[in-house]
C-alpha cells in the first residue's frame, strides 16, 4: 500500500462529502426558486380595488413612545389623508419623555387636516407589551366613534395622501378583513443598503405573500407599520387581548384573524414609507435580535436547525466555489457557483424595489451571515436573562418583548 494511500482515500471521501453538501444546497435553491410561493418576486402590490358606493368610517390608531424625532415626517401625512368618508386619528403617547404628545398636538394645530386625539397610557400590566397596551387603549378610544375599520400604523410611517383611500377600497373590493402593506424601509446608509432589503427578502421567504392572501392557506402574516383591520373582526378575534404576549405582534394579529375565519392580504407598499433611520449596524442589529429568537419560539432545537439551514443555503455556495477552486474540484465549484447565481438572481427584484445597485446581490451570503449572528445573539441575550430593551423600557419575560414601532 502506498504510504499516503489512507490519507488520499480520506481526502477523496471529504471531497465527495463536500460535493454532496453543495448539491443539497443547490437543490434547496431550486426549491426556493420554484416552490416557495415565488417569494422573491416583488409584484404583490395592492389587490384590484374599486371605490365603494359609500365610504366606511375609519379610525387610525398610532402607538407612540419617544417619537419626537420622526413625528414631523410622519404624522402630517396621516392628517393630510384625502379620504372621502369619516376618518380621524388617535395617537396614544406610551409614556414618552421627549414631548411626543405635545408635538403631535402642535402639528395638528398648525397643519389641520383629519381630527386628532392625543391621549396617554400608563405602564402596561404584566404580560402586555407596551406597544400592544397602547394599541388596546387607542382601539378603546376609537370604539366610541363606532368605526367600520381600524388603521393600525406606527409613528414612523409616512403615508401618501391616498393611502387610506386605497387600503379601504382594496379591503372592500376583495372582502378582506386585513389589508396590510410592508412599508418601504429607509435605505440611505451603507449598513441600511446591506441589511434592510435582505430583511424584507427573508421575511417574504418565511411568509410568502402569495400564500397569505390565498383562500384556505394557513400562512398568515402582516406588517405592523400598516394594518387596515375591520373593527368587527378585531372584536371577534379579540385583538389585541388575544395577542398581548406576542413578541412579533403583526404576525400574531394575522394568525388570530385567520383563526377567527377572516381573510388576510399582505403585499409590498408603493407609497407607504418608514422614516426611521438605522444609521449604523448597531441599530439594525438591535432591531433584528430583539425578536429573532422569539421567532423560533425560544426553542434551542429550532435555533440549531435555523443556524444549520442558513449555513447550508447561504454560506455553502460561496464556500464551495472557494474550496472547489482551491482544490481543483470543478464539480463542487460549479455546483456552488450555480447555487450562488440562483441566490443572487432571486435577490435582484428586491434590490430593484429598493433602488439599490445590483452588484449587492452577490453579497447576500455576507448579509445572511450577519443575520445568523444576530439570531444567535438574540438567543444568548435570552439565556442570560437580560430581556429586551425598547426605548428605555426593559422586558425580562421572554413572552413580553416589544415589536418595533
Protein backbone atom coordinates (compact mmCIF):
# COMPACT_ATOMS: atom_id res chain seq x y z
CA UNK A 1 0.00 0.00 0.00
CA UNK A 2 1.39 3.45 -0.86
CA UNK A 3 2.45 5.35 2.25
CA UNK A 4 -0.11 8.08 1.68
CA UNK A 5 -2.92 5.83 0.46
CA UNK A 6 -5.23 6.11 3.51
CA UNK A 7 -4.87 9.86 3.54
CA UNK A 8 -5.80 10.07 -0.13
CA UNK A 9 -8.85 7.91 0.45
CA UNK A 10 -9.83 10.19 3.31
CA UNK A 11 -9.30 13.22 1.14
CA UNK A 12 -11.47 11.72 -1.59
CA UNK A 13 -14.23 10.95 0.91
CA UNK A 14 -14.07 14.52 2.23
CA UNK A 15 -14.26 15.93 -1.30
CA UNK A 16 -17.21 13.69 -2.12
CA UNK A 17 -18.97 14.68 1.09
CA UNK A 18 -18.50 18.39 0.37
CA UNK A 19 -19.77 17.91 -3.17
CA UNK A 20 -22.91 16.26 -1.83
CA UNK A 21 -23.45 19.08 0.67
CA UNK A 22 -23.13 21.55 -2.19
CA UNK A 23 -25.62 19.56 -4.28
CA UNK A 24 -28.09 19.63 -1.37
CA UNK A 25 -27.63 23.40 -1.17
CA UNK A 26 -28.27 23.69 -4.90
CA UNK A 27 -31.39 21.54 -4.57
CA UNK A 28 -32.59 23.80 -1.75
CA UNK A 29 -32.24 26.81 -4.03
CA UNK A 30 -34.14 25.02 -6.80
CA UNK A 31 -36.97 24.53 -4.33
CA UNK A 32 -36.84 28.13 -3.07
CA UNK A 33 -36.85 29.41 -6.65
CA UNK A 34 -39.93 27.47 -7.74
CA UNK A 35 -41.67 26.00 -4.71
CA UNK A 36 -41.79 28.69 -2.02
CA UNK A 37 -44.59 30.83 -3.40
CA UNK A 38 -42.28 32.80 -5.70
CA UNK A 39 -41.37 34.75 -2.57
CA UNK A 40 -38.58 36.57 -4.40
CA UNK A 41 -40.90 38.39 -6.76
CA UNK A 42 -41.93 41.92 -5.82
CA UNK A 43 -45.14 42.23 -7.83
CA UNK A 44 -47.55 41.56 -4.93
CA UNK A 45 -48.98 45.05 -4.54
CA UNK A 46 -52.44 46.25 -3.51
CA UNK A 47 -55.04 43.88 -4.99
CA UNK A 48 -57.64 45.08 -7.52
CA UNK A 49 -59.87 47.70 -5.95
CA UNK A 50 -62.82 49.88 -6.74
CA UNK A 51 -64.41 52.75 -4.91
CA UNK A 52 -67.32 51.64 -2.73
CA UNK A 53 -70.74 53.26 -3.08
CA UNK A 54 -70.44 54.54 0.48
CA UNK A 55 -67.09 55.02 2.16
CA UNK A 56 -66.91 53.31 5.59
CA UNK A 57 -65.69 55.20 8.64
CA UNK A 58 -62.10 54.67 9.79
CA UNK A 59 -60.18 55.38 12.98
CA UNK A 60 -56.39 55.49 12.78
CA UNK A 61 -54.56 54.27 15.89
CA UNK A 62 -50.92 55.30 16.35
CA UNK A 63 -48.96 53.98 19.35
CA UNK A 64 -46.02 56.29 20.02
CA UNK A 65 -43.18 56.16 22.54
CA UNK A 66 -40.43 58.80 22.30
CA UNK A 67 -41.11 59.53 18.63
CA UNK A 68 -40.47 63.28 18.55
CA UNK A 69 -37.58 62.79 16.12
CA UNK A 70 -39.72 61.16 13.41
CA UNK A 71 -43.19 62.54 14.08
CA UNK A 72 -42.76 65.71 11.96
CA UNK A 73 -42.07 63.47 8.95
CA UNK A 74 -44.90 61.00 9.55
CA UNK A 75 -47.89 62.47 11.39
CA UNK A 76 -48.58 65.25 8.83
CA UNK A 77 -49.06 62.54 6.19
CA UNK A 78 -51.85 60.97 8.26
CA UNK A 79 -53.53 64.29 8.97
CA UNK A 80 -53.47 65.08 5.24
CA UNK A 81 -55.23 61.90 4.12
CA UNK A 82 -57.61 62.51 1.23
CA UNK A 83 -60.37 60.18 2.38
CA UNK A 84 -63.98 60.65 1.22
CA UNK A 85 -65.51 59.09 4.33
CA UNK A 86 -65.29 59.91 8.02
CA UNK A 87 -61.82 59.40 9.46
CA UNK A 88 -59.90 60.57 12.50
CA UNK A 89 -56.57 59.86 14.17
CA UNK A 90 -55.89 58.66 17.72
CA UNK A 91 -52.29 58.94 18.87
CA UNK A 92 -51.53 57.15 22.13
CA UNK A 93 -48.49 58.52 23.93
CA UNK A 94 -46.92 55.46 25.54
CA UNK A 95 -45.00 57.06 28.39
CA UNK A 96 -42.82 59.29 26.23
CA UNK A 97 -40.21 61.53 27.82
CA UNK A 98 -39.37 63.61 24.73
CA UNK A 99 -42.59 65.60 24.32
CA UNK A 100 -44.14 63.30 21.71
CA UNK A 101 -47.71 64.07 22.77
CA UNK A 102 -47.35 67.83 22.83
CA UNK A 103 -45.52 67.81 19.49
CA UNK A 104 -48.40 65.84 17.97
CA UNK A 105 -50.90 68.40 19.25
CA UNK A 106 -48.79 71.25 17.89
CA UNK A 107 -48.55 69.63 14.47
CA UNK A 108 -52.32 69.20 14.40
CA UNK A 109 -52.95 72.81 15.43
CA UNK A 110 -50.56 74.10 12.82
CA UNK A 111 -51.42 71.82 9.90
CA UNK A 112 -55.08 70.97 10.39
CA UNK A 113 -56.46 68.02 8.43
CA UNK A 114 -58.10 64.99 9.98
CA UNK A 115 -59.22 65.34 13.61
CA UNK A 116 -56.51 64.25 16.04
CA UNK A 117 -56.96 62.98 19.59
CA UNK A 118 -53.83 62.61 21.71
CA UNK A 119 -54.05 60.63 24.92
CA UNK A 120 -51.62 58.89 27.24
CA UNK A 121 -51.50 55.46 28.77
CA UNK A 122 -49.65 54.26 31.83
CA UNK A 123 -47.22 51.40 32.17
CA UNK A 124 -48.59 48.18 30.69
CA UNK A 125 -49.81 45.47 33.07
CA UNK A 126 -47.79 42.28 33.44
CA UNK A 127 -47.95 40.17 30.31
CA UNK A 128 -48.54 43.08 27.92
CA UNK A 129 -46.01 44.66 25.61
CA UNK A 130 -46.04 48.44 25.72
CA UNK A 131 -46.98 48.79 22.08
CA UNK A 132 -49.94 46.41 22.29
CA UNK A 133 -51.16 48.02 25.50
CA UNK A 134 -51.10 51.38 23.72
CA UNK A 135 -52.92 49.85 20.73
CA UNK A 136 -55.56 48.45 23.08
CA UNK A 137 -56.02 51.86 24.66
CA UNK A 138 -56.29 53.52 21.25
CA UNK A 139 -58.83 50.99 19.99
CA UNK A 140 -60.85 51.63 23.14
CA UNK A 141 -60.93 55.36 22.35
CA UNK A 142 -61.82 54.66 18.73
CA UNK A 143 -64.71 52.34 19.53
CA UNK A 144 -66.67 55.26 20.92
CA UNK A 145 -66.87 56.51 17.32
CA UNK A 146 -68.16 53.17 16.01
CA UNK A 147 -65.71 52.84 13.09
CA UNK A 148 -66.05 50.13 10.50
CA UNK A 149 -62.28 49.92 10.04
CA UNK A 150 -59.19 50.50 12.17
CA UNK A 151 -55.88 51.51 10.64
CA UNK A 152 -53.04 50.46 12.94
CA UNK A 153 -49.91 52.29 11.90
CA UNK A 154 -46.60 53.02 13.61
CA UNK A 155 -45.43 56.51 14.45
CA UNK A 156 -42.54 56.32 11.99
CA UNK A 157 -44.71 55.52 8.95
CA UNK A 158 -45.44 58.18 6.33
CA UNK A 159 -48.46 57.63 4.07
CA UNK A 160 -49.18 59.03 0.63
CA UNK A 161 -52.30 61.25 0.58
CA UNK A 162 -54.46 58.50 -0.93
CA UNK A 163 -53.06 55.65 1.20
CA UNK A 164 -56.12 55.22 3.41
CA UNK A 165 -58.44 55.50 0.44
CA UNK A 166 -56.56 52.78 -1.45
CA UNK A 167 -56.41 50.45 1.55
CA UNK A 168 -60.14 50.69 2.22
CA UNK A 169 -61.02 50.28 -1.46
CA UNK A 170 -58.89 47.11 -1.60
CA UNK A 171 -60.48 45.68 1.55
CA UNK A 172 -64.00 46.42 0.35
CA UNK A 173 -63.45 45.06 -3.16
CA UNK A 174 -61.69 41.89 -2.03
CA UNK A 175 -63.67 41.17 1.10
CA UNK A 176 -60.52 41.17 3.22
CA UNK A 177 -60.56 41.54 6.98
CA UNK A 178 -56.92 42.67 7.00
CA UNK A 179 -55.11 44.57 4.28
CA UNK A 180 -51.50 45.20 5.25
CA UNK A 181 -48.58 46.73 3.40
CA UNK A 182 -44.91 46.19 4.11
CA UNK A 183 -43.73 49.78 4.39
CA UNK A 184 -40.66 50.65 2.37
CA UNK A 185 -37.92 50.98 4.98
CA UNK A 186 -35.31 53.71 4.77
CA UNK A 187 -32.21 52.80 2.78
CA UNK A 188 -29.60 55.53 2.94
CA UNK A 189 -26.56 54.46 4.99
CA UNK A 190 -24.15 51.71 3.96
CA UNK A 191 -25.49 49.30 6.55
CA UNK A 192 -29.08 50.01 5.58
CA UNK A 193 -28.21 49.14 1.99
CA UNK A 194 -26.70 45.82 3.08
CA UNK A 195 -29.25 44.79 5.70
CA UNK A 196 -32.66 46.36 5.00
CA UNK A 197 -33.58 44.87 1.59
CA UNK A 198 -32.47 41.47 2.91
CA UNK A 199 -34.75 41.91 5.94
CA UNK A 200 -37.80 42.14 3.67
CA UNK A 201 -36.44 39.37 1.42
CA UNK A 202 -36.05 36.99 4.37
CA UNK A 203 -39.49 37.94 5.73
CA UNK A 204 -41.08 37.14 2.38
CA UNK A 205 -39.20 33.85 2.29
CA UNK A 206 -40.70 32.88 5.65
CA UNK A 207 -44.18 34.21 4.79
CA UNK A 208 -44.68 34.16 1.01
CA UNK A 209 -47.11 36.96 0.23
CA UNK A 210 -48.95 34.93 -2.41
CA UNK A 211 -49.75 32.23 0.14
CA UNK A 212 -51.03 34.71 2.74
CA UNK A 213 -53.85 36.00 0.54
CA UNK A 214 -54.82 32.58 -0.80
CA UNK A 215 -58.16 31.23 0.43
CA UNK A 216 -57.59 28.16 2.57
CA UNK A 217 -53.91 28.83 3.13
CA UNK A 218 -52.67 28.60 6.72
CA UNK A 219 -49.82 31.05 6.10
CA UNK A 220 -50.58 34.28 7.96
CA UNK A 221 -48.58 37.47 8.42
CA UNK A 222 -48.98 41.23 8.39
CA UNK A 223 -46.64 44.21 8.55
CA UNK A 224 -47.20 46.13 11.77
CA UNK A 225 -46.47 49.53 10.28
CA UNK A 226 -49.60 49.50 8.13
CA UNK A 227 -52.54 47.23 9.02
CA UNK A 228 -56.10 48.03 7.98
CA UNK A 229 -58.39 45.87 10.12
CA UNK A 230 -62.17 45.51 10.12
CA UNK A 231 -63.40 46.62 13.53
CA UNK A 232 -65.91 43.77 13.73
CA UNK A 233 -63.17 41.24 13.02
CA UNK A 234 -60.98 42.81 15.70
CA UNK A 235 -63.72 42.18 18.25
CA UNK A 236 -64.36 38.66 17.01
CA UNK A 237 -60.66 37.76 17.13
CA UNK A 238 -60.19 39.57 20.49
CA UNK A 239 -57.47 41.83 19.16
CA UNK A 240 -55.25 42.88 20.79
CA UNK A 241 -56.08 41.00 24.02
CA UNK A 242 -55.61 37.59 22.39
CA UNK A 243 -52.08 38.51 21.29
CA UNK A 244 -50.97 40.57 24.28
CA UNK A 245 -47.99 38.22 24.90
CA UNK A 246 -46.88 38.25 21.26
CA UNK A 247 -43.32 39.26 20.51
CA UNK A 248 -43.98 39.64 16.79
CA UNK A 249 -47.39 41.22 17.10
CA UNK A 250 -48.14 41.77 13.42
CA UNK A 251 -47.76 38.07 12.56
CA UNK A 252 -49.75 37.14 15.66
CA UNK A 253 -52.53 39.54 14.63
CA UNK A 254 -52.80 37.95 11.19
CA UNK A 255 -52.90 34.47 12.70
CA UNK A 256 -55.64 35.50 15.12
CA UNK A 257 -57.70 36.93 12.26
CA UNK A 258 -57.28 33.79 10.16
CA UNK A 259 -58.07 31.68 13.20
CA UNK A 260 -61.34 33.57 13.55
CA UNK A 261 -62.21 32.82 9.91
CA UNK A 262 -61.04 36.15 8.47
CA UNK A 263 -59.18 36.84 5.25
CA UNK A 264 -55.75 38.46 5.21
CA UNK A 265 -53.78 40.17 2.46
CA UNK A 266 -50.16 41.36 2.66
CA UNK A 267 -48.01 42.95 -0.01
CA UNK A 268 -45.28 45.46 -0.68
CA UNK A 269 -46.06 49.15 -0.48
CA UNK A 270 -45.57 51.74 -3.18
CA UNK A 271 -46.18 54.89 -1.16
CA UNK A 272 -46.06 53.84 2.48
CA UNK A 273 -42.59 54.54 3.87
CA UNK A 274 -40.77 54.25 7.17
CA UNK A 275 -38.86 57.41 8.06
CA UNK A 276 -36.96 55.82 10.94
CA UNK A 277 -33.19 55.89 10.35
CA UNK A 278 -30.90 52.97 11.12
CA UNK A 279 -27.64 54.76 10.50
CA UNK A 280 -25.29 52.14 11.95
CA UNK A 281 -25.02 48.38 12.28
CA UNK A 282 -25.80 48.50 16.00
CA UNK A 283 -29.26 49.97 15.39
CA UNK A 284 -30.05 47.31 12.79
CA UNK A 285 -28.60 44.58 14.98
CA UNK A 286 -30.91 45.53 17.86
CA UNK A 287 -33.90 45.69 15.52
CA UNK A 288 -33.35 42.10 14.35
CA UNK A 289 -32.02 40.47 17.52
CA UNK A 290 -34.88 41.89 19.60
CA UNK A 291 -37.29 39.30 18.23
CA UNK A 292 -35.19 36.78 16.27
CA UNK A 293 -35.17 34.08 18.95
CA UNK A 294 -38.85 34.68 19.68
CA UNK A 295 -39.49 33.84 16.03
CA UNK A 296 -38.04 30.43 16.90
CA UNK A 297 -40.35 30.17 19.95
CA UNK A 298 -37.27 30.22 22.23
CA UNK A 299 -36.60 26.63 21.18
CA UNK A 300 -32.89 25.63 21.16
CA UNK A 301 -33.53 22.83 18.65
CA UNK A 302 -35.13 25.30 16.24
CA UNK A 303 -32.15 27.59 16.80
CA UNK A 304 -29.69 24.83 15.85
CA UNK A 305 -31.80 23.93 12.82
CA UNK A 306 -32.03 27.56 11.73
CA UNK A 307 -28.29 28.14 12.03
CA UNK A 308 -27.61 24.94 10.09
CA UNK A 309 -30.20 25.89 7.47
CA UNK A 310 -28.79 29.39 7.00
CA UNK A 311 -25.29 27.94 6.65
CA UNK A 312 -26.40 25.30 4.15
CA UNK A 313 -28.48 27.64 1.99
CA UNK A 314 -26.49 30.88 2.10
CA UNK A 315 -22.92 30.10 3.17
CA UNK A 316 -22.19 26.78 1.45
CA UNK A 317 -22.45 28.10 -2.17
CA UNK A 318 -19.66 30.73 -1.95
CA UNK A 319 -17.59 28.43 0.27
CA UNK A 320 -17.94 25.65 -2.33
CA UNK A 321 -16.70 27.94 -5.06
CA UNK A 322 -13.64 28.82 -2.98
CA UNK A 323 -12.95 25.25 -1.82
CA UNK A 324 -13.55 23.75 -5.26
CA UNK A 325 -11.32 26.28 -6.98
CA UNK A 326 -8.53 25.86 -4.42
CA UNK A 327 -8.65 22.07 -4.54
CA UNK A 328 -9.17 21.67 -8.26
CA UNK A 329 -12.64 20.17 -7.72
CA UNK A 330 -14.53 21.53 -10.71
CA UNK A 331 -17.79 19.78 -9.85
CA UNK A 332 -18.00 21.32 -6.37
CA UNK A 333 -17.02 24.75 -7.67
CA UNK A 334 -19.60 24.56 -10.47
CA UNK A 335 -22.43 23.40 -8.19
CA UNK A 336 -21.59 26.17 -5.71
CA UNK A 337 -21.44 28.77 -8.47
CA UNK A 338 -24.86 27.75 -9.83
CA UNK A 339 -26.42 27.86 -6.34
CA UNK A 340 -24.82 31.25 -5.69
CA UNK A 341 -26.08 32.56 -9.02
CA UNK A 342 -29.65 31.42 -8.27
CA UNK A 343 -29.42 33.04 -4.84
CA UNK A 344 -28.22 36.33 -6.28
CA UNK A 345 -30.82 36.18 -9.04
CA UNK A 346 -33.69 35.83 -6.55
CA UNK A 347 -32.37 38.84 -4.66
CA UNK A 348 -32.28 41.16 -7.69
CA UNK A 349 -36.01 42.06 -7.67
CA UNK A 350 -35.81 43.22 -4.04
CA UNK A 351 -32.75 45.34 -4.79
CA UNK A 352 -34.61 46.91 -7.73
CA UNK A 353 -37.63 47.57 -5.50
CA UNK A 354 -35.35 49.45 -3.10
CA UNK A 355 -33.49 51.21 -5.90
CA UNK A 356 -30.16 49.69 -4.89
CA UNK A 357 -27.21 48.76 -7.14
CA UNK A 358 -27.48 45.21 -8.44
CA UNK A 359 -23.87 44.40 -7.57
CA UNK A 360 -25.07 44.00 -3.99
CA UNK A 361 -26.81 40.73 -4.95
CA UNK A 362 -23.68 38.50 -4.71
CA UNK A 363 -23.08 39.91 -1.20
CA UNK A 364 -26.24 38.26 0.14
CA UNK A 365 -24.22 35.44 1.82
CA UNK A 366 -22.38 38.07 3.88
CA UNK A 367 -25.67 39.65 4.94
CA UNK A 368 -27.13 36.22 5.74
CA UNK A 369 -24.11 35.56 7.95
CA UNK A 370 -24.87 38.79 9.83
CA UNK A 371 -28.45 37.61 10.33
CA UNK A 372 -27.15 34.27 11.58
CA UNK A 373 -25.04 36.09 14.18
CA UNK A 374 -27.97 38.32 15.13
CA UNK A 375 -30.14 35.25 15.70
CA UNK A 376 -27.50 33.59 17.87
CA UNK A 377 -27.05 36.83 19.80
CA UNK A 378 -30.81 37.01 20.36
CA UNK A 379 -30.68 33.54 21.94
CA UNK A 380 -27.64 34.45 24.04
CA UNK A 381 -29.40 37.52 25.41
CA UNK A 382 -32.44 35.40 26.20
CA UNK A 383 -30.47 32.82 28.18
CA UNK A 384 -28.52 35.49 30.01
CA UNK A 385 -31.86 36.72 31.29
CA UNK A 386 -31.30 40.28 30.19
CA UNK A 387 -34.61 40.60 28.39
CA UNK A 388 -35.10 43.08 25.59
CA UNK A 389 -34.83 46.84 25.82
CA UNK A 390 -37.03 49.17 23.80
CA UNK A 391 -36.80 52.93 24.21
CA UNK A 392 -35.85 52.80 27.86
CA UNK A 393 -38.27 50.01 28.81
CA UNK A 394 -36.84 46.58 29.63
CA UNK A 395 -38.84 43.39 29.26
CA UNK A 396 -37.44 40.47 31.23
CA UNK A 397 -40.15 37.99 30.28
CA UNK A 398 -39.48 36.03 27.08
CA UNK A 399 -43.11 36.44 26.04
CA UNK A 400 -43.24 40.17 26.63
CA UNK A 401 -40.76 41.63 24.17
CA UNK A 402 -41.87 44.62 22.09
CA UNK A 403 -42.03 44.64 18.34
CA UNK A 404 -40.54 47.62 16.51
CA UNK A 405 -42.89 50.59 16.33
